[in-house]
Amino acid sequence: MADAIRKIVIVGGGTTGWMAAASLSRYVADKEISVTLIESPDIGAVGVGEATIPNIVAFNKELGIDEVELIKATQATFKLGIEFKDWHKKGERFFHPFADYGLKIDNVEFHHYVNRMKAEGLDVNLQDYSFACALAKEGRFAQPNAGPQSPLADYSYAYHFDASLYAKFLNKFSVQNGIKHISANVCAVNLNNDSGFIESVTLDDGLKIEADLFIDCSGFKGLLINGAMGVGLTDLSKWLPCDRAVAIQTELVDEPTPYTIASARDAGWQWCIPLQHRMGNGYIYSSQFCDNQMAQDELLANIKGKAINDIRQFDLPLGAREVIWHKNCFALGLAAGFLEPLESLGLSLIQTALTKLYTFFPDKSFNQHDIKEVNRLHNTEIERIVDFLALHYKLTSRDDTEFWRYCQNMPISDSLAHKIEVFKSQGHIVQYDHESFEEASWLSMYHGFNVNPRRFDVRAKNINIDTVEKNLLQMKNSMQSAAKQAMSHQEFINKHCRAVCDI
């Protein structure tokens, strides 16, 4: 039996590095493994607003972090989903909730009954049957009950928070739980001449830090996985058209919405992420159809509140690392690649990668079959995500700019084309293994882009249409009534988790 891993080094701090450190501090708590994080003092905190998806709640809970303490420390607000403005057509909007729609009836998915009612000329809107949508429409928030009396009240939530404050919070948590923190620059990565494995990294003071396993959290440059080991990126620009971004922070003018806003613009889309103390704004766009100055002008023309920092420009190398695990190097976050933030998956991909690492945690033999399986699972996950992101662009009916006309005609994968055509036929939603988005998410997109199936599941005809209409109306009224009884998002924060002071 090969020797066990004894030393782990994380290269890079920020949100990625400290999420890895916090998670590893729990994983190694009962093991004889030391973990050291090396963070450059020369890389300043970006301090952007970060939108998340619900698994971040579970991540913090598993670490034993007090939710209220975290929210206060990171100036966080709550997120029920994403509102999409002007994506299908100008003037239209729809919501992507962290929740299902309705309930199965006679083992037939709920949306088939909605499709049946539409086919019979009845006025019905799918989004009236999601409690998360009802709360968001009213600007209200309530935490879901652990065991709701009705499945209709089952929904999830995530956060908007200051990513630099989250990293700071996890830094303190990790160090308290045994992670060693070194503030230094890595100036050399030392490989074994025979095996190609990383033996150590050399710091700017000449100190060499050895380890058995190295975690690359060094951002876009991929100091270990790319710079030292030569693992490149698979280009994804064919499927994802937006490759640059500009961002700016503004004063919070209105009460924070309990959701992210994604507004389609002439050559891409703009995000609005409300924190307790400010608004995060950004415009992600295609350099093929928009230059930097045009992007800045369009962003500044569509923000509220006084700017509190200078506008920042980012080049976004759209791509996935060919493999995230190579020999004894495991890449996380931007070192593993970049998918645009349209569905707030940045932190989620860190979590899922860590889960894969723990499932196949190595010994010093670094079994190649285990490594190959982790890479296969990760690459499949990326393929599924890329399909879902591409769907947002491909289904548009906008033809008012060159960018949106390009999106209508851009290539998509065979798997995505198959999913769309199956839904158009009878409204069935195709799900493959290792999907990051459940059926309700795909349904939100199809509905939001007005993709109506030509038929519906014939089993939805087994119930009298008057009975279906009556039950749906009762369901809709119940959700709307319950939503109106909830606190406003701002009231909820003020009562339960208001940050002590502004930053």
Protein backbone atom coordinates (compact mmCIF):
# COMPACT_ATOMS: atom_id res chain seq x y z
CA MET A 1 0.00 0.00 0.00
CA ALA A 2 1.32 3.43 -0.96
CA ASP A 3 2.09 6.02 1.68
CA ALA A 4 -0.63 8.46 2.65
CA ILE A 5 -0.63 12.12 1.70
CA ARG A 6 0.91 14.15 4.53
CA LYS A 7 1.37 17.67 3.15
CA ILE A 8 -0.93 19.83 1.00
CA VAL A 9 -0.01 23.26 -0.34
CA ILE A 10 -2.58 25.70 -1.72
CA VAL A 11 -1.06 28.33 -4.01
CA GLY A 12 -3.27 31.40 -4.13
CA GLY A 13 -5.72 33.03 -1.76
CA GLY A 14 -8.83 34.99 -2.63
CA THR A 15 -12.22 33.37 -2.51
CA THR A 16 -11.03 30.20 -4.25
CA GLY A 17 -7.99 29.60 -2.08
CA TRP A 18 -9.77 30.25 1.19
CA MET A 19 -12.79 28.14 0.23
CA ALA A 20 -10.36 25.31 -0.45
CA ALA A 21 -8.53 25.95 2.82
CA ALA A 22 -11.72 26.11 4.88
CA SER A 23 -13.03 22.93 3.32
CA LEU A 24 -9.71 21.10 3.72
CA SER A 25 -9.49 22.17 7.36
CA ARG A 26 -12.57 20.05 7.99
CA TYR A 27 -11.51 17.18 5.72
CA VAL A 28 -8.09 16.73 7.40
CA ALA A 29 -9.32 17.36 10.97
CA ASP A 30 -9.01 13.67 11.88
CA LYS A 31 -6.03 12.96 9.64
CA GLU A 32 -2.29 13.52 9.93
CA ILE A 33 -2.22 15.99 7.06
CA SER A 34 -0.89 19.55 7.19
CA VAL A 35 -2.29 22.25 4.90
CA THR A 36 -0.42 25.44 3.98
CA LEU A 37 -1.85 28.31 1.95
CA ILE A 38 0.57 30.64 0.17
CA GLU A 39 -0.99 33.99 -0.75
CA SER A 40 0.66 36.77 -2.69
CA PRO A 41 0.74 40.12 -0.82
CA ASP A 42 0.88 41.92 -4.18
CA ILE A 43 -2.55 40.86 -5.44
CA GLY A 44 -5.15 43.19 -4.00
CA ALA A 45 -8.72 42.20 -3.23
CA VAL A 46 -11.13 42.93 -6.06
CA GLY A 47 -14.06 43.35 -3.69
CA VAL A 48 -16.78 42.66 -6.24
CA GLY A 49 -20.30 41.60 -5.44
CA GLU A 50 -20.63 37.88 -5.94
CA ALA A 51 -23.87 36.09 -6.75
CA THR A 52 -24.17 32.44 -5.75
CA ILE A 53 -26.49 29.46 -6.06
CA PRO A 54 -28.07 27.50 -3.15
CA ASN A 55 -25.28 24.99 -2.61
CA ILE A 56 -23.22 27.77 -1.01
CA VAL A 57 -25.66 27.61 1.91
CA ALA A 58 -24.93 23.91 2.35
CA PHE A 59 -21.18 24.53 2.01
CA ASN A 60 -21.13 26.98 4.90
CA LYS A 61 -23.42 24.81 6.99
CA GLU A 62 -21.14 21.81 6.56
CA LEU A 63 -18.24 23.91 7.78
CA GLY A 64 -20.21 24.74 10.90
CA ILE A 65 -20.37 28.46 10.08
CA ASP A 66 -23.13 30.49 11.70
CA GLU A 67 -25.26 31.88 8.87
CA VAL A 68 -26.18 35.17 10.56
CA GLU A 69 -22.54 35.83 11.46
CA LEU A 70 -21.52 35.17 7.85
CA ILE A 71 -24.21 37.41 6.37
CA LYS A 72 -23.26 40.30 8.64
CA ALA A 73 -19.54 39.87 7.96
CA THR A 74 -19.95 39.80 4.17
CA GLN A 75 -22.66 42.49 3.82
CA ALA A 76 -24.79 39.80 2.21
CA THR A 77 -28.34 39.90 0.88
CA PHE A 78 -30.53 36.98 -0.15
CA LYS A 79 -31.09 35.57 -3.61
CA LEU A 80 -34.19 33.67 -4.74
CA GLY A 81 -33.07 33.45 -8.36
CA ILE A 82 -32.32 35.65 -11.38
CA GLU A 83 -34.57 38.08 -13.21
CA PHE A 84 -33.85 38.22 -16.95
CA LYS A 85 -34.79 41.49 -18.66
CA ASP A 86 -34.99 41.99 -22.45
CA TRP A 87 -33.49 38.59 -23.30
CA HIS A 88 -36.30 37.21 -25.40
CA LYS A 89 -37.56 40.55 -26.67
CA LYS A 90 -37.10 44.12 -25.49
CA GLY A 91 -39.63 44.97 -22.81
CA GLU A 92 -40.10 41.37 -21.67
CA ARG A 93 -38.79 39.78 -18.49
CA PHE A 94 -38.90 36.42 -16.78
CA PHE A 95 -37.58 34.84 -13.59
CA HIS A 96 -35.37 31.82 -13.01
CA PRO A 97 -36.18 30.70 -9.45
CA PHE A 98 -34.40 28.28 -7.15
CA ALA A 99 -37.60 26.23 -7.00
CA ASP A 100 -39.84 23.86 -8.88
CA TYR A 101 -43.17 24.73 -10.47
CA GLY A 102 -46.38 23.22 -9.10
CA LEU A 103 -46.71 19.53 -8.33
CA LYS A 104 -46.97 16.36 -10.33
CA ILE A 105 -50.56 15.29 -10.99
CA ASP A 106 -51.16 11.57 -11.58
CA ASN A 107 -47.38 11.22 -12.01
CA VAL A 108 -47.37 13.71 -14.90
CA GLU A 109 -45.13 16.76 -14.64
CA PHE A 110 -47.02 19.92 -13.74
CA HIS A 111 -45.99 21.95 -16.78
CA HIS A 112 -47.82 19.57 -19.12
CA TYR A 113 -51.10 20.71 -17.56
CA VAL A 114 -50.06 24.31 -18.10
CA ASN A 115 -49.28 23.48 -21.73
CA ARG A 116 -52.65 21.78 -22.06
CA MET A 117 -54.47 24.86 -20.74
CA LYS A 118 -52.54 27.09 -23.13
CA ALA A 119 -53.42 24.78 -26.01
CA GLU A 120 -57.10 25.18 -25.11
CA GLY A 121 -56.83 28.96 -25.16
CA LEU A 122 -56.79 29.57 -21.40
CA ASP A 123 -54.65 32.36 -19.94
CA VAL A 124 -52.05 30.76 -17.69
CA ASN A 125 -48.50 31.74 -16.71
CA LEU A 126 -46.11 29.05 -15.47
CA GLN A 127 -44.38 31.48 -13.10
CA ASP A 128 -47.58 31.88 -11.07
CA TYR A 129 -46.92 28.40 -9.67
CA SER A 130 -43.56 28.95 -8.00
CA PHE A 131 -43.49 30.40 -4.49
CA ALA A 132 -39.98 31.77 -5.09
CA CYS A 133 -41.33 33.69 -8.10
CA ALA A 134 -44.21 35.03 -6.01
CA LEU A 135 -41.83 36.24 -3.29
CA ALA A 136 -39.49 37.85 -5.81
CA LYS A 137 -42.35 39.63 -7.57
CA GLU A 138 -43.35 41.23 -4.26
CA GLY A 139 -39.74 42.03 -3.29
CA ARG A 140 -40.14 39.86 -0.21
CA PHE A 141 -38.12 37.14 1.46
CA ALA A 142 -38.72 34.32 3.90
CA GLN A 143 -36.50 31.39 4.71
CA PRO A 144 -38.08 28.09 3.71
CA ASN A 145 -39.25 25.85 6.52
CA ALA A 146 -37.20 22.71 7.08
CA GLY A 147 -40.31 20.56 6.66
CA PRO A 148 -42.93 22.59 4.79
CA GLN A 149 -46.55 21.51 5.22
CA SER A 150 -46.98 21.78 1.46
CA PRO A 151 -44.43 20.83 -1.21
CA LEU A 152 -45.46 24.06 -2.92
CA ALA A 153 -43.59 25.95 -0.18
CA ASP A 154 -40.34 24.09 -0.88
CA TYR A 155 -37.74 26.40 -2.39
CA SER A 156 -34.11 27.34 -1.93
CA TYR A 157 -32.09 30.51 -1.64
CA ALA A 158 -28.53 31.72 -2.06
CA TYR A 159 -26.61 34.93 -1.30
CA HIS A 160 -25.18 38.04 -2.84
CA PHE A 161 -22.05 38.94 -0.87
CA ASP A 162 -18.80 40.84 -1.06
CA ALA A 163 -16.36 38.20 -2.30
CA SER A 164 -13.32 39.83 -0.70
CA LEU A 165 -15.11 39.93 2.67
CA TYR A 166 -16.06 36.27 2.24
CA ALA A 167 -12.41 35.41 1.59
CA LYS A 168 -11.41 37.39 4.69
CA PHE A 169 -14.03 35.56 6.74
CA LEU A 170 -12.82 32.15 5.54
CA ASN A 171 -9.20 33.19 6.09
CA LYS A 172 -9.89 33.71 9.80
CA PHE A 173 -11.96 30.54 9.99
CA SER A 174 -9.27 28.43 8.28
CA VAL A 175 -6.37 29.68 10.36
CA GLN A 176 -8.35 29.06 13.53
CA ASN A 177 -8.85 25.50 12.30
CA GLY A 178 -5.18 24.75 11.72
CA ILE A 179 -4.37 26.04 8.21
CA LYS A 180 -0.92 27.62 7.96
CA HIS A 181 -0.93 30.95 6.11
CA ILE A 182 2.17 32.29 4.35
CA SER A 183 2.15 35.72 2.72
CA ALA A 184 4.68 35.50 -0.12
CA ASN A 185 5.06 35.30 -3.87
CA VAL A 186 5.83 32.00 -5.56
CA CYS A 187 8.78 32.67 -7.86
CA ALA A 188 9.50 29.11 -9.00
CA VAL A 189 7.70 25.78 -9.29
CA ASN A 190 10.11 22.88 -9.00
CA LEU A 191 9.31 19.68 -10.89
CA ASN A 192 10.85 16.24 -10.52
CA ASN A 193 12.92 15.65 -13.64
CA ASP A 194 11.80 12.03 -13.98
CA SER A 195 8.14 12.03 -12.98
CA GLY A 196 7.14 15.60 -13.80
CA PHE A 197 5.44 15.89 -10.41
CA ILE A 198 5.72 19.11 -8.42
CA GLU A 199 8.21 18.66 -5.61
CA SER A 200 8.15 22.15 -4.14
CA VAL A 201 7.58 25.83 -4.76
CA THR A 202 10.20 28.47 -4.10
CA LEU A 203 9.10 31.72 -2.45
CA ASP A 204 10.53 35.17 -3.09
CA ASP A 205 12.58 34.96 0.10
CA GLY A 206 14.25 31.77 -1.16
CA LEU A 207 12.30 29.40 1.08
CA LYS A 208 11.24 26.12 -0.52
CA ILE A 209 7.89 24.65 0.47
CA GLU A 210 7.49 20.94 -0.25
CA ALA A 211 4.22 19.01 -0.42
CA ASP A 212 2.67 15.81 -1.71
CA LEU A 213 -0.40 17.48 -3.24
CA PHE A 214 -0.57 20.99 -4.66
CA ILE A 215 -3.84 22.92 -5.14
CA ASP A 216 -3.62 25.62 -7.80
CA CYS A 217 -5.80 28.61 -6.87
CA SER A 218 -3.66 31.18 -8.67
CA GLY A 219 -6.38 32.54 -10.95
CA PHE A 220 -6.36 32.95 -14.72
CA LYS A 221 -2.60 32.47 -15.03
CA GLY A 222 -2.73 28.93 -13.56
CA LEU A 223 0.76 29.27 -12.12
CA LEU A 224 1.09 25.54 -11.42
CA ILE A 225 -1.30 23.72 -13.73
CA ASN A 226 -0.49 25.85 -16.77
CA GLY A 227 2.72 27.75 -16.11
CA ALA A 228 4.71 24.82 -14.73
CA MET A 229 2.86 21.77 -16.06
CA GLY A 230 1.68 23.09 -19.42
CA VAL A 231 -1.98 22.04 -19.21
CA GLY A 232 -3.82 24.35 -21.57
CA LEU A 233 -7.40 25.52 -21.96
CA THR A 234 -10.11 24.17 -24.23
CA ASP A 235 -11.54 27.20 -26.01
CA LEU A 236 -15.27 27.69 -25.40
CA SER A 237 -15.79 30.93 -27.32
CA LYS A 238 -17.56 28.97 -30.07
CA TRP A 239 -20.45 28.36 -27.67
CA LEU A 240 -20.21 31.40 -25.37
CA PRO A 241 -20.02 34.73 -27.20
CA CYS A 242 -19.09 37.20 -24.41
CA ASP A 243 -15.37 37.54 -23.69
CA ARG A 244 -14.87 40.89 -21.94
CA ALA A 245 -16.38 42.77 -19.03
CA VAL A 246 -16.43 46.17 -17.37
CA ALA A 247 -17.53 46.58 -13.75
CA ILE A 248 -18.23 49.35 -11.29
CA GLN A 249 -19.65 49.67 -7.78
CA THR A 250 -22.34 52.22 -6.93
CA GLU A 251 -24.18 53.47 -3.92
CA LEU A 252 -27.32 51.52 -3.09
CA VAL A 253 -30.26 53.71 -4.11
CA ASP A 254 -33.29 51.48 -3.67
CA GLU A 255 -33.99 48.59 -1.32
CA PRO A 256 -32.00 45.54 -2.39
CA THR A 257 -33.90 43.04 -4.50
CA PRO A 258 -33.96 39.41 -3.29
CA TYR A 259 -32.60 38.35 -6.68
CA THR A 260 -29.90 39.12 -9.23
CA ILE A 261 -30.88 41.15 -12.28
CA ALA A 262 -29.44 40.22 -15.68
CA SER A 263 -30.40 42.76 -18.36
CA ALA A 264 -29.67 42.11 -22.02
CA ARG A 265 -27.75 44.94 -23.71
CA ASP A 266 -26.69 45.66 -27.29
CA ALA A 267 -23.67 43.33 -27.27
CA GLY A 268 -24.11 41.23 -24.14
CA TRP A 269 -25.72 41.64 -20.75
CA GLN A 270 -25.49 43.65 -17.54
CA TRP A 271 -25.57 42.31 -14.00
CA CYS A 272 -26.90 44.10 -10.95
CA ILE A 273 -26.00 42.46 -7.64
CA PRO A 274 -27.31 44.20 -4.51
CA LEU A 275 -25.38 44.00 -1.26
CA GLN A 276 -26.37 45.58 2.03
CA HIS A 277 -24.00 48.51 1.51
CA ARG A 278 -23.68 48.91 -2.26
CA MET A 279 -24.63 47.69 -5.70
CA GLY A 280 -22.33 45.65 -7.90
CA ASN A 281 -22.72 46.42 -11.62
CA GLY A 282 -21.05 44.96 -14.66
CA TYR A 283 -21.44 44.56 -18.39
CA ILE A 284 -20.15 41.38 -20.00
CA TYR A 285 -19.97 41.68 -23.76
CA SER A 286 -18.55 40.36 -26.99
CA SER A 287 -15.43 42.16 -28.24
CA GLN A 288 -16.47 41.12 -31.74
CA PHE A 289 -19.41 43.51 -31.60
CA CYS A 290 -18.42 46.14 -29.02
CA ASP A 291 -15.21 47.96 -28.08
CA ASN A 292 -14.15 48.87 -24.57
CA GLN A 293 -15.29 52.48 -24.71
CA MET A 294 -18.71 51.55 -26.07
CA ALA A 295 -19.09 49.00 -23.27
CA GLN A 296 -18.15 51.52 -20.59
CA ASP A 297 -20.56 54.09 -22.01
CA GLU A 298 -23.43 51.58 -22.10
CA LEU A 299 -22.78 50.42 -18.55
CA LEU A 300 -22.56 53.95 -17.15
CA ALA A 301 -25.79 54.87 -18.93
CA ASN A 302 -27.63 52.03 -17.16
CA ILE A 303 -26.61 52.25 -13.52
CA LYS A 304 -28.29 53.83 -10.53
CA GLY A 305 -26.52 55.70 -7.77
CA LYS A 306 -23.19 57.45 -7.49
CA ALA A 307 -20.11 55.48 -8.48
CA ILE A 308 -17.87 54.64 -5.52
CA ASN A 309 -14.88 53.28 -7.44
CA ASP A 310 -13.31 53.54 -10.88
CA ILE A 311 -14.64 51.43 -13.69
CA ARG A 312 -12.59 48.28 -14.25
CA GLN A 313 -11.90 46.33 -17.43
CA PHE A 314 -11.50 42.54 -17.62
CA ASP A 315 -10.50 40.20 -20.42
CA LEU A 316 -12.22 36.87 -19.97
CA PRO A 317 -10.41 33.85 -21.41
CA LEU A 318 -13.43 31.64 -22.00
CA GLY A 319 -12.24 28.11 -21.62
CA ALA A 320 -12.01 25.00 -19.50
CA ARG A 321 -8.72 23.49 -18.42
CA GLU A 322 -8.09 20.35 -20.46
CA VAL A 323 -7.84 18.50 -17.15
CA ILE A 324 -8.13 19.94 -13.65
CA TRP A 325 -6.06 17.16 -12.06
CA HIS A 326 -2.63 16.49 -13.53
CA LYS A 327 -0.14 14.32 -11.64
CA ASN A 328 -0.06 15.86 -8.13
CA CYS A 329 -1.60 19.21 -9.09
CA PHE A 330 -5.32 19.97 -8.71
CA ALA A 331 -6.70 23.21 -10.18
CA LEU A 332 -9.62 25.17 -8.71
CA GLY A 333 -11.51 28.33 -9.59
CA LEU A 334 -10.16 30.45 -12.43
CA ALA A 335 -7.06 28.24 -12.63
CA ALA A 336 -9.43 25.49 -13.78
CA GLY A 337 -11.01 27.72 -16.41
CA PHE A 338 -13.65 30.39 -16.82
CA LEU A 339 -17.31 30.19 -17.77
CA GLU A 340 -19.11 33.51 -17.88
CA PRO A 341 -21.09 34.38 -14.71
CA LEU A 342 -24.54 34.30 -16.30
CA GLU A 343 -25.85 31.70 -13.84
CA SER A 344 -23.51 32.45 -10.91
CA LEU A 345 -21.62 29.15 -11.02
CA GLY A 346 -18.11 30.32 -10.12
CA LEU A 347 -18.16 29.27 -6.48
CA SER A 348 -20.32 26.22 -7.16
CA LEU A 349 -17.66 24.78 -9.47
CA ILE A 350 -15.11 25.12 -6.67
CA GLN A 351 -17.42 23.15 -4.39
CA THR A 352 -18.14 20.37 -6.88
CA ALA A 353 -14.44 20.03 -7.74
CA LEU A 354 -13.53 19.70 -4.07
CA THR A 355 -16.20 17.03 -3.66
CA LYS A 356 -14.63 15.06 -6.50
CA LEU A 357 -11.19 15.43 -4.94
CA TYR A 358 -12.42 14.08 -1.59
CA THR A 359 -14.27 11.20 -3.24
CA PHE A 360 -11.09 10.12 -5.03
CA PHE A 361 -8.59 11.46 -2.50
CA PRO A 362 -5.16 10.13 -3.47
CA ASP A 363 -2.31 8.50 -1.68
CA LYS A 364 1.23 9.11 -2.87
CA SER A 365 0.80 6.68 -5.75
CA PHE A 366 -1.67 9.07 -7.42
CA ASN A 367 -3.58 6.33 -9.21
CA GLN A 368 -4.01 7.44 -12.80
CA HIS A 369 -7.42 5.83 -13.17
CA ASP A 370 -8.78 7.84 -10.23
CA ILE A 371 -7.36 11.02 -11.73
CA LYS A 372 -8.81 10.19 -15.12
CA GLU A 373 -12.25 9.62 -13.62
CA VAL A 374 -12.24 12.96 -11.79
CA ASN A 375 -11.29 14.72 -15.01
CA ARG A 376 -14.00 12.88 -16.92
CA LEU A 377 -16.65 13.85 -14.37
CA HIS A 378 -15.51 17.46 -14.34
CA ASN A 379 -15.38 17.78 -18.12
CA THR A 380 -18.87 16.28 -18.40
CA GLU A 381 -20.13 18.77 -15.83
CA ILE A 382 -18.63 21.63 -17.86
CA GLU A 383 -20.22 20.38 -21.09
CA ARG A 384 -23.65 20.33 -19.44
CA ILE A 385 -23.18 23.84 -18.05
CA VAL A 386 -22.01 25.24 -21.38
CA ASP A 387 -25.15 23.87 -23.02
CA PHE A 388 -27.35 25.60 -20.45
CA LEU A 389 -25.51 28.91 -20.80
CA ALA A 390 -25.60 28.75 -24.61
CA LEU A 391 -29.36 28.20 -24.40
CA HIS A 392 -29.79 31.76 -23.03
CA TYR A 393 -28.33 33.22 -26.21
CA LYS A 394 -29.60 30.79 -28.81
CA LEU A 395 -33.30 31.12 -27.95
CA THR A 396 -33.48 34.90 -28.26
CA SER A 397 -35.91 36.48 -30.71
CA ARG A 398 -34.03 39.77 -30.67
CA ASP A 399 -32.73 40.97 -34.02
CA ASP A 400 -32.18 44.66 -33.22
CA THR A 401 -28.37 44.41 -33.03
CA GLU A 402 -25.69 42.48 -34.87
CA PHE A 403 -24.79 40.65 -31.66
CA TRP A 404 -28.27 39.24 -31.09
CA ARG A 405 -28.61 38.26 -34.74
CA TYR A 406 -25.33 36.38 -34.36
CA CYS A 407 -26.66 34.62 -31.25
CA GLN A 408 -29.72 33.36 -33.11
CA ASN A 409 -27.48 31.79 -35.73
CA MET A 410 -24.52 30.69 -33.61
CA PRO A 411 -23.61 26.99 -33.52
CA ILE A 412 -24.73 24.82 -30.60
CA SER A 413 -23.75 21.33 -29.56
CA ASP A 414 -25.65 18.28 -30.77
CA SER A 415 -26.71 17.56 -27.19
CA LEU A 416 -28.27 21.01 -26.77
CA ALA A 417 -29.98 20.84 -30.16
CA HIS A 418 -31.48 17.50 -29.17
CA LYS A 419 -32.77 18.86 -25.86
CA ILE A 420 -34.44 21.82 -27.55
CA GLU A 421 -36.12 19.72 -30.22
CA VAL A 422 -37.44 17.17 -27.71
CA PHE A 423 -39.01 19.98 -25.68
CA LYS A 424 -40.50 21.60 -28.79
CA SER A 425 -42.13 18.29 -29.68
CA GLN A 426 -44.05 17.36 -26.51
CA GLY A 427 -42.62 19.47 -23.69
CA HIS A 428 -40.42 16.74 -22.25
CA ILE A 429 -37.18 17.88 -20.63
CA VAL A 430 -34.08 15.81 -21.36
CA GLN A 431 -31.71 15.34 -18.42
CA TYR A 432 -28.30 13.70 -18.73
CA ASP A 433 -25.97 12.48 -15.98
CA HIS A 434 -24.07 15.13 -14.03
CA GLU A 435 -26.38 18.02 -14.86
CA SER A 436 -25.77 21.16 -12.82
CA PHE A 437 -29.26 22.46 -13.59
CA GLU A 438 -32.43 20.56 -12.79
CA GLU A 439 -35.54 20.28 -14.94
CA ALA A 440 -37.14 23.38 -13.42
CA SER A 441 -34.21 25.51 -14.57
CA TRP A 442 -34.51 24.31 -18.15
CA LEU A 443 -38.25 24.86 -17.94
CA SER A 444 -37.67 28.44 -16.77
CA MET A 445 -35.60 29.12 -19.87
CA TYR A 446 -38.00 27.50 -22.32
CA HIS A 447 -40.90 29.38 -20.78
CA GLY A 448 -39.01 32.68 -20.60
CA PHE A 449 -38.06 32.48 -24.25
CA ASN A 450 -41.60 31.52 -25.24
CA VAL A 451 -40.71 28.07 -26.54
CA ASN A 452 -44.10 26.37 -26.69
CA PRO A 453 -44.29 22.62 -27.39
CA ARG A 454 -46.38 21.54 -30.34
CA ARG A 455 -48.04 18.91 -28.12
CA PHE A 456 -48.14 17.89 -24.47
CA ASP A 457 -48.05 14.60 -22.62
CA VAL A 458 -51.35 12.93 -23.55
CA ARG A 459 -51.75 11.70 -19.95
CA ALA A 460 -52.49 15.31 -18.98
CA LYS A 461 -55.89 14.84 -20.67
CA ASN A 462 -56.97 12.26 -18.12
CA ILE A 463 -58.32 14.96 -15.80
CA ASN A 464 -61.25 17.21 -16.68
CA ILE A 465 -60.02 20.61 -17.85
CA ASP A 466 -62.38 22.46 -15.48
CA THR A 467 -60.90 20.57 -12.55
CA VAL A 468 -57.38 21.40 -13.67
CA GLU A 469 -58.26 25.07 -14.07
CA LYS A 470 -59.88 25.19 -10.63
CA ASN A 471 -56.91 23.50 -8.92
CA LEU A 472 -54.39 25.75 -10.64
CA LEU A 473 -56.29 28.89 -9.69
CA GLN A 474 -56.42 27.76 -6.06
CA MET A 475 -52.68 27.03 -6.13
CA LYS A 476 -51.91 30.43 -7.65
CA ASN A 477 -54.02 32.34 -5.14
CA SER A 478 -52.50 30.43 -2.23
CA MET A 479 -48.96 31.28 -3.31
CA GLN A 480 -49.73 34.94 -3.91
CA SER A 481 -51.45 35.26 -0.54
CA ALA A 482 -48.55 33.63 1.30
CA ALA A 483 -46.00 35.82 -0.50
CA LYS A 484 -47.83 39.01 0.48
CA GLN A 485 -47.66 37.98 4.15
CA ALA A 486 -43.87 37.70 4.11
CA MET A 487 -41.56 40.54 5.17
CA SER A 488 -39.96 42.74 2.57
CA HIS A 489 -36.40 41.70 1.80
CA GLN A 490 -35.07 44.82 3.54
CA GLU A 491 -37.25 44.24 6.61
CA PHE A 492 -36.02 40.66 6.88
CA ILE A 493 -32.39 41.80 6.78
CA ASN A 494 -33.02 44.60 9.28
CA LYS A 495 -34.65 42.22 11.71
CA HIS A 496 -32.35 39.22 11.46
CA CYS A 497 -28.94 39.94 9.93
CA ARG A 498 -28.19 43.60 9.34
CA ALA A 499 -24.44 44.26 9.15
CA VAL A 500 -23.17 46.22 12.15
CA CYS A 501 -21.49 48.91 10.05
CA ASP A 502 -20.90 49.79 6.42
CA ILE A 503 -17.57 49.08 4.79
